[in-house]
């Protein structure tokens, strides 16, 4: 009985294979593989149904997903900005440098003025004040006569650069850049002249208004 069922099944499969290979299109080949896959194989008392093989002509359907762009919303406190606070205005920023080597100051002057020109900061004035000389007359040694002396001298050179009409953000960026590149042995002092409104309790006189 089992052999008869197997022989009938083999004949049916052969007939389907012949009919499928007789066609010239790819659709017939794909349907033949689908029919072979859908057959039920009998192995003793167990029945096993293999997975169906997708045909080449069957379109693949993907699940639709909504693609949306997420926007990053940051509060002003996280960004570091203060909403409603106007930027500071400086009428003049004075940078004074002191050093013992005039060549180093001349090189640093070229660097600072070049950086100011690239940032479109107007250089109002550059001053080279007279050097300051300080001398010490000391003994050559601790245990020696007074006539054996030596004189030490320290010369301090000055460079003053004045920049006009700067905003607070521009001044902070510019000063941070030039201070990070300050040469060794050079001291810097920065003086800012800020523009502010008159207080409410201070009012101009009638003569000035007229």
Protein backbone atom coordinates (compact mmCIF):
# COMPACT_ATOMS: atom_id res chain seq x y z
CA UNK A 1 0.00 0.00 0.00
CA UNK A 2 2.79 2.35 0.90
CA UNK A 3 4.71 1.51 -2.28
CA UNK A 4 1.62 2.22 -4.41
CA UNK A 5 1.20 5.67 -2.84
CA UNK A 6 4.88 6.46 -3.40
CA UNK A 7 4.74 5.39 -7.07
CA UNK A 8 1.65 7.56 -7.67
CA UNK A 9 3.34 10.51 -6.04
CA UNK A 10 6.49 10.10 -8.13
CA UNK A 11 4.43 9.96 -11.35
CA UNK A 12 2.56 13.11 -10.39
CA UNK A 13 5.82 14.91 -9.69
CA UNK A 14 7.32 13.81 -12.99
CA UNK A 15 4.28 15.03 -14.91
CA UNK A 16 4.44 18.39 -13.19
CA UNK A 17 8.18 18.67 -13.84
CA UNK A 18 7.71 17.91 -17.56
CA UNK A 19 4.93 20.45 -17.91
CA UNK A 20 6.97 23.08 -16.08
CA UNK A 21 10.19 22.61 -18.08
CA UNK A 22 8.25 22.68 -21.37
CA UNK A 23 7.51 26.39 -20.84
CA UNK A 24 10.02 29.01 -22.00
CA UNK A 25 9.30 31.75 -19.44
CA UNK A 26 10.79 32.12 -15.95
CA UNK A 27 7.37 32.19 -14.35
CA UNK A 28 6.78 28.54 -15.17
CA UNK A 29 10.06 27.57 -13.51
CA UNK A 30 9.21 29.43 -10.36
CA UNK A 31 5.75 27.84 -10.12
CA UNK A 32 7.25 24.36 -10.57
CA UNK A 33 9.57 24.88 -7.62
CA UNK A 34 6.65 26.18 -5.61
CA UNK A 35 4.60 23.06 -6.37
CA UNK A 36 7.49 20.78 -5.40
CA UNK A 37 7.92 22.62 -2.16
CA UNK A 38 4.25 22.43 -1.32
CA UNK A 39 4.17 18.61 -1.57
CA UNK A 40 3.86 16.56 1.61
CA UNK A 41 6.54 13.95 2.20
CA UNK A 42 5.60 10.74 4.00
CA UNK A 43 8.30 9.26 6.20
CA UNK A 44 6.75 6.43 8.15
CA UNK A 45 4.19 7.81 10.55
CA UNK A 46 5.67 11.36 10.59
CA UNK A 47 4.60 14.03 8.18
CA UNK A 48 7.06 16.83 7.37
CA UNK A 49 6.15 19.84 5.28
CA UNK A 50 9.22 21.75 4.07
CA UNK A 51 9.26 25.52 3.89
CA UNK A 52 7.97 27.04 0.69
CA UNK A 53 10.64 28.49 -1.62
CA UNK A 54 9.72 31.98 -2.88
CA UNK A 55 9.44 32.26 -6.62
CA UNK A 56 11.41 34.72 -8.69
CA UNK A 57 8.29 36.39 -10.02
CA UNK A 58 6.68 36.94 -6.62
CA UNK A 59 7.21 40.53 -5.47
CA UNK A 60 8.59 41.00 -1.98
CA UNK A 61 6.41 43.15 0.22
CA UNK A 62 8.17 45.09 2.96
CA UNK A 63 6.50 46.66 5.94
CA UNK A 64 6.05 50.36 5.51
CA UNK A 65 7.82 52.59 8.02
CA UNK A 66 7.40 56.28 8.46
CA UNK A 67 10.74 58.00 8.11
CA UNK A 68 10.85 61.25 10.03
CA UNK A 69 13.70 63.57 10.86
CA UNK A 70 14.16 64.30 14.53
CA UNK A 71 15.03 67.87 15.47
CA UNK A 72 17.45 68.62 18.30
CA UNK A 73 15.91 71.12 20.67
CA UNK A 74 18.34 72.64 23.14
CA UNK A 75 17.55 75.25 25.70
CA UNK A 76 19.53 78.51 25.69
CA UNK A 77 21.14 77.55 29.00
CA UNK A 78 22.49 74.30 27.47
CA UNK A 79 23.87 76.13 24.45
CA UNK A 80 25.50 78.75 26.64
CA UNK A 81 23.63 81.76 25.30
CA UNK A 82 21.60 84.22 27.26
CA UNK A 83 18.38 85.24 25.57
CA UNK A 84 17.57 88.93 25.72
CA UNK A 85 20.99 90.08 26.98
CA UNK A 86 22.66 92.45 24.48
CA UNK A 87 26.29 92.04 23.58
CA UNK A 88 28.83 94.34 25.17
CA UNK A 89 30.40 97.17 23.18
CA UNK A 90 33.98 98.31 23.68
CA UNK A 91 35.17 101.63 22.33
CA UNK A 92 38.79 100.69 22.96
CA UNK A 93 40.74 97.59 23.97
CA UNK A 94 44.32 98.29 25.01
CA UNK A 95 46.86 95.45 25.06
CA UNK A 96 50.16 96.14 26.81
CA UNK A 97 53.05 93.68 26.52
CA UNK A 98 56.29 93.69 28.47
CA UNK A 99 59.38 91.66 27.75
CA UNK A 100 63.15 91.63 27.92
CA UNK A 101 63.78 90.79 24.25
CA UNK A 102 62.81 93.49 21.71
CA UNK A 103 62.97 90.99 18.82
CA UNK A 104 60.35 88.79 20.50
CA UNK A 105 58.04 91.78 20.96
CA UNK A 106 58.43 92.80 17.32
CA UNK A 107 57.56 89.28 16.18
CA UNK A 108 54.55 89.13 18.49
CA UNK A 109 53.40 92.55 17.24
CA UNK A 110 53.37 91.21 13.68
CA UNK A 111 51.37 88.16 14.78
CA UNK A 112 48.74 90.18 16.69
CA UNK A 113 48.22 92.78 13.97
CA UNK A 114 47.88 90.04 11.33
CA UNK A 115 45.24 88.26 13.43
CA UNK A 116 43.38 91.55 13.92
CA UNK A 117 43.42 92.23 10.19
CA UNK A 118 41.94 88.79 9.42
CA UNK A 119 39.19 89.39 11.99
CA UNK A 120 38.57 92.89 10.56
CA UNK A 121 39.45 94.57 13.86
CA UNK A 122 40.69 98.15 13.36
CA UNK A 123 44.11 98.82 14.88
CA UNK A 124 43.91 102.36 16.21
CA UNK A 125 47.47 102.86 17.41
CA UNK A 126 50.71 101.00 18.15
CA UNK A 127 53.14 102.51 20.67
CA UNK A 128 56.70 101.60 21.59
CA UNK A 129 57.43 103.41 24.87
CA UNK A 130 60.97 103.87 26.14
CA UNK A 131 62.52 100.89 27.81
CA UNK A 132 62.83 100.77 31.57
CA UNK A 133 66.30 100.02 32.97
CA UNK A 134 66.91 98.79 36.49
CA UNK A 135 70.46 98.31 37.84
CA UNK A 136 71.88 96.56 40.90
CA UNK A 137 75.44 97.07 42.12
CA UNK A 138 76.52 94.13 44.26
CA UNK A 139 79.70 92.52 45.52
CA UNK A 140 81.26 89.84 43.39
CA UNK A 141 81.24 87.52 46.37
CA UNK A 142 80.05 87.55 49.96
CA UNK A 143 83.50 87.51 51.54
CA UNK A 144 85.36 90.07 49.44
CA UNK A 145 86.48 93.69 49.61
CA UNK A 146 84.12 96.51 48.75
CA UNK A 147 86.12 97.58 45.71
CA UNK A 148 85.33 94.28 43.95
CA UNK A 149 81.86 94.93 42.70
CA UNK A 150 79.67 93.89 39.76
CA UNK A 151 76.66 95.63 38.25
CA UNK A 152 73.53 93.81 37.05
CA UNK A 153 71.09 95.44 34.65
CA UNK A 154 67.55 94.43 33.63
CA UNK A 155 65.93 96.10 30.62
CA UNK A 156 62.16 95.93 30.19
CA UNK A 157 60.73 96.78 26.77
CA UNK A 158 57.11 97.82 26.24
CA UNK A 159 54.60 97.37 23.43
CA UNK A 160 51.13 98.94 23.50
CA UNK A 161 48.50 98.06 20.88
CA UNK A 162 45.09 99.75 20.80
CA UNK A 163 42.07 98.25 19.03
CA UNK A 164 38.90 100.29 18.48
CA UNK A 165 35.19 99.46 18.22
CA UNK A 166 34.88 95.83 19.27
CA UNK A 167 31.92 93.77 20.40
CA UNK A 168 32.13 91.58 23.47
CA UNK A 169 32.16 88.27 21.59
CA UNK A 170 34.77 89.47 19.10
CA UNK A 171 36.99 90.83 21.86
CA UNK A 172 36.79 87.59 23.86
CA UNK A 173 37.65 85.47 20.82
CA UNK A 174 40.51 87.72 19.75
CA UNK A 175 42.03 88.02 23.22
CA UNK A 176 41.82 84.28 23.86
CA UNK A 177 43.61 83.59 20.58
CA UNK A 178 46.46 86.05 21.15
CA UNK A 179 46.88 85.01 24.79
CA UNK A 180 47.19 81.34 23.89
CA UNK A 181 50.06 82.24 21.55
CA UNK A 182 51.82 84.56 23.98
CA UNK A 183 55.60 83.89 23.93
CA UNK A 184 57.46 82.80 27.02
CA UNK A 185 58.88 85.60 29.13
CA UNK A 186 56.30 88.14 27.91
CA UNK A 187 53.70 89.66 30.24
CA UNK A 188 50.37 91.06 29.04
CA UNK A 189 47.91 93.51 30.51
CA UNK A 190 44.50 94.14 28.89
CA UNK A 191 42.43 97.27 29.52
CA UNK A 192 38.86 97.42 28.17
CA UNK A 193 36.83 100.60 27.74
CA UNK A 194 33.17 99.57 27.68
CA UNK A 195 30.28 101.68 26.41
CA UNK A 196 27.29 101.80 28.75
CA UNK A 197 24.01 103.67 28.97
CA UNK A 198 23.48 106.41 31.48
CA UNK A 199 21.62 105.33 34.62
CA UNK A 200 17.96 106.22 34.89
CA UNK A 201 18.53 108.66 37.73
CA UNK A 202 21.06 110.61 35.64
CA UNK A 203 19.33 112.89 33.15
CA UNK A 204 20.94 115.40 30.81
CA UNK A 205 20.34 119.05 31.49
CA UNK A 206 17.99 121.15 29.40
CA UNK A 207 20.89 123.06 27.86
CA UNK A 208 22.46 119.88 26.54
CA UNK A 209 19.16 118.63 25.12
CA UNK A 210 18.47 121.96 23.42
